[in-house]
Protein backbone atom coordinates (compact mmCIF):
# COMPACT_ATOMS: atom_id res chain seq x y z
CA MET A 1 13.55 -43.09 -33.41
CA THR A 2 11.15 -44.70 -30.93
CA ASP A 3 7.81 -43.09 -29.88
CA THR A 4 9.10 -42.76 -26.32
CA TYR A 5 12.10 -40.78 -27.54
CA SER A 6 9.89 -38.64 -29.72
CA PHE A 7 7.31 -38.05 -26.87
CA THR A 8 10.15 -37.05 -24.58
CA LYS A 9 11.59 -34.46 -27.00
CA LYS A 10 8.11 -32.99 -27.47
CA ALA A 11 7.55 -32.93 -23.76
CA GLU A 12 10.89 -31.11 -23.30
CA LYS A 13 9.85 -28.58 -25.93
CA VAL A 14 6.51 -27.88 -24.16
CA ILE A 15 8.24 -27.60 -20.73
CA GLY A 16 10.73 -25.08 -22.40
CA TYR A 17 7.66 -23.05 -23.72
CA ILE A 18 5.94 -23.11 -20.37
CA LYS A 19 9.23 -21.75 -18.75
CA ILE A 20 9.43 -18.90 -21.34
CA ILE A 21 5.72 -18.08 -20.84
CA ARG A 22 6.28 -18.11 -16.98
CA GLU A 23 9.30 -15.78 -17.30
CA ASN A 24 7.65 -13.49 -19.80
CA THR A 25 4.40 -13.34 -17.61
CA LEU A 26 6.31 -12.52 -14.39
CA ARG A 27 8.31 -9.89 -16.36
CA ASN A 28 5.25 -8.21 -17.74
CA LEU A 29 3.52 -8.37 -14.27
CA LYS A 30 6.51 -6.65 -12.78
CA GLU A 31 6.47 -3.98 -15.34
CA ASN A 32 2.71 -3.26 -14.88
CA ILE A 33 3.06 -3.22 -11.06
CA LEU A 34 6.04 -0.88 -11.50
CA GLU A 35 4.25 1.51 -13.81
CA THR A 36 1.21 1.55 -11.74
CA ALA A 37 3.24 2.04 -8.38
CA ASN A 38 5.26 4.95 -9.96
CA LYS A 39 2.10 6.74 -10.99
CA LYS A 40 0.76 6.45 -7.66
CA ILE A 41 4.02 7.68 -6.18
CA LYS A 42 3.86 10.83 -8.33
CA ARG A 43 0.37 11.61 -7.03
CA ILE A 44 1.34 10.97 -3.44
CA ILE A 45 4.78 12.72 -3.40
CA SER A 46 4.35 15.54 -5.77
CA ASN A 47 7.04 17.83 -4.33
CA ASP A 48 10.04 15.31 -5.09
CA SER A 49 10.93 13.10 -8.00
CA ILE A 50 10.93 9.50 -6.74
CA GLU A 51 10.62 6.50 -8.93
CA ILE A 52 11.01 2.73 -8.43
CA GLU A 53 13.48 1.64 -11.16
CA LYS A 54 13.18 -2.15 -10.54
CA ILE A 55 11.50 -4.82 -8.47
CA ASP A 56 14.13 -7.50 -7.68
CA GLY A 57 13.35 -8.99 -4.17
CA ASP A 58 13.53 -5.33 -2.96
CA LEU A 59 12.25 -2.10 -4.57
CA LEU A 60 15.26 -0.43 -6.18
CA LEU A 61 14.86 3.29 -6.55
CA LYS A 62 16.10 5.31 -9.63
CA GLY A 63 19.10 7.53 -8.67
CA ARG A 64 18.46 7.19 -4.88
CA LYS A 65 20.09 5.38 -1.96
CA GLY A 66 17.37 6.13 0.59
CA LEU A 67 14.31 8.12 1.37
CA SER A 68 12.88 9.89 4.39
CA GLU A 69 10.66 7.73 6.72
CA GLY A 70 7.55 9.42 5.34
CA GLN A 71 8.71 8.95 1.78
CA THR A 72 9.38 5.38 2.47
CA LEU A 73 5.94 4.75 3.76
CA ALA A 74 4.40 6.59 0.81
CA VAL A 75 6.19 4.53 -1.67
CA ALA A 76 5.36 1.32 0.30
CA TYR A 77 1.58 2.20 0.26
CA ALA A 78 1.73 2.95 -3.52
CA TYR A 79 3.61 -0.32 -4.24
CA ILE A 80 1.11 -2.39 -2.09
CA GLY A 81 -1.80 -0.61 -3.64
CA SER A 82 -0.50 -1.61 -7.07
CA LEU A 83 -0.15 -5.26 -5.86
CA PHE A 84 -3.80 -5.14 -4.61
CA GLU A 85 -4.92 -4.08 -8.11
CA HIS A 86 -3.37 -7.09 -9.56
CA SER A 87 -4.81 -9.54 -7.09
CA GLU A 88 -7.99 -11.66 -7.82
CA LEU A 89 -8.74 -11.60 -4.11
CA GLU A 90 -10.31 -8.75 -2.33
CA PHE A 91 -9.49 -8.01 1.23
CA PRO A 92 -9.00 -4.89 3.29
CA PHE A 93 -5.59 -3.30 3.73
CA VAL A 94 -4.96 -2.81 7.56
CA VAL A 95 -2.43 -0.35 8.73
CA ASP A 96 -1.52 0.69 12.22
CA SER A 97 -0.21 4.24 12.93
CA PRO A 98 0.47 5.05 9.35
CA ALA A 99 1.33 8.81 9.52
CA ALA A 100 3.21 9.20 12.83
CA SER A 101 6.63 9.79 11.10
CA MET A 102 5.29 11.96 8.27
CA ASP A 103 5.49 15.75 8.31
CA LEU A 104 2.04 17.49 7.84
CA GLU A 105 2.43 18.02 4.15
CA VAL A 106 3.30 14.42 3.31
CA ARG A 107 0.45 13.37 5.80
CA ARG A 108 -2.05 15.39 3.83
CA GLU A 109 -0.85 13.97 0.60
CA VAL A 110 -0.79 10.38 1.71
CA ALA A 111 -4.27 10.82 3.36
CA SER A 112 -5.74 12.15 0.16
CA VAL A 113 -4.53 9.20 -1.89
CA LEU A 114 -4.69 6.25 0.51
CA PRO A 115 -8.40 5.78 0.38
CA ARG A 116 -8.19 5.58 -3.49
CA LEU A 117 -5.36 2.99 -3.32
CA PHE A 118 -7.53 0.30 -1.63
CA GLN A 119 -11.06 -0.92 -2.03
CA GLN A 120 -11.40 -1.23 1.66
CA LEU A 121 -9.11 0.25 4.35
CA ILE A 122 -8.87 -0.15 8.00
CA ILE A 123 -6.58 2.37 9.80
CA PHE A 124 -5.56 2.49 13.39
CA VAL A 125 -4.44 6.06 14.31
CA THR A 126 -3.26 7.57 17.55
CA SER A 127 -4.56 10.98 18.74
CA GLY A 128 -1.38 12.57 17.32
CA GLU A 129 -2.26 11.47 13.85
CA VAL A 130 -5.55 13.27 13.68
CA ALA A 131 -3.98 16.60 12.65
CA GLY A 132 -3.03 16.48 8.95
CA PHE A 133 -4.02 12.84 8.45
CA ALA A 134 -7.13 11.41 10.09
CA GLU A 135 -8.91 14.77 9.71
CA SER A 136 -8.53 14.47 5.85
CA PHE A 137 -11.24 11.80 5.94
CA TYR A 138 -13.92 13.99 7.47
CA THR A 139 -15.29 15.04 4.09
CA LEU A 140 -15.65 11.44 2.81
CA ASP A 141 -19.02 9.67 3.18
CA ASP A 142 -18.11 6.13 3.44
CA VAL A 143 -15.97 6.26 6.53
CA ARG A 144 -16.76 4.78 9.87
CA TYR A 145 -15.03 6.31 12.94
CA LEU A 146 -14.47 4.06 15.93
CA THR A 147 -12.67 5.34 19.02
CA ILE A 148 -11.33 2.52 21.16
CA GLU A 149 -10.13 3.36 24.73
CA GLU A 150 -9.48 1.65 27.97
CA ARG A 151 -11.44 3.02 30.80
CA ASP A 152 -11.65 1.52 34.30
CA ASN A 153 -9.92 -1.74 33.11
CA ALA A 154 -12.49 -2.07 30.33
CA VAL A 155 -12.33 -1.47 26.61
CA GLN A 156 -14.83 0.92 25.23
CA CYS A 157 -15.67 1.49 21.72
CA THR A 158 -17.41 4.81 20.73
CA GLU A 159 -18.72 5.19 17.21
CA GLY A 160 -18.99 8.52 15.52
CA GLN A 161 -16.87 11.41 13.86
CA ASP A 162 -17.73 13.87 16.42
CA TYR A 163 -16.35 11.74 19.36
CA PHE A 164 -13.42 10.64 17.21
CA SER A 165 -12.34 14.25 16.20
CA GLN A 166 -12.45 15.54 19.76
CA PHE A 167 -10.71 12.58 21.52
CA GLN A 168 -7.32 12.97 22.79
CA VAL A 169 -5.42 10.75 25.03
CA GLU A 170 -4.35 12.17 28.39
CA GLU A 171 -0.67 11.86 28.61
CA GLY A 172 0.66 11.06 32.08
């Protein structure tokens, strides 16, 4: 047996070990994310039993073919929040119009949990999302309210909870 042959066989073994470690690490990470996401889902959607069974390209739900639009968003937020927890990078989660399709009960549940899912959160809401969703943040201390509107072909930004809470877009 030559040294080259011996070295090649040892290298193949090491490559095999690395492959096994990679597969086990990915499996364990998926299991941890799945467990974390399911705990978050239970907190967000307390009135229904929804559970992610498997992460395989898509999220596969246990015993379900589909969810309501609001439940789908809630599951997505819980899953994304779980991914953020397992990331070494810290960046804000930005979401546009997160509660439009949710009924008031689900809006309130999501609004109560959403700030706890992410370290930093930027939410763009429409005036229709204030009730049951954005108003849930009024009791929190570390929230900044910016109302952005177009007036006379110029964009205006007004800061403050008072203005935000009373702002309504005139429908026309």
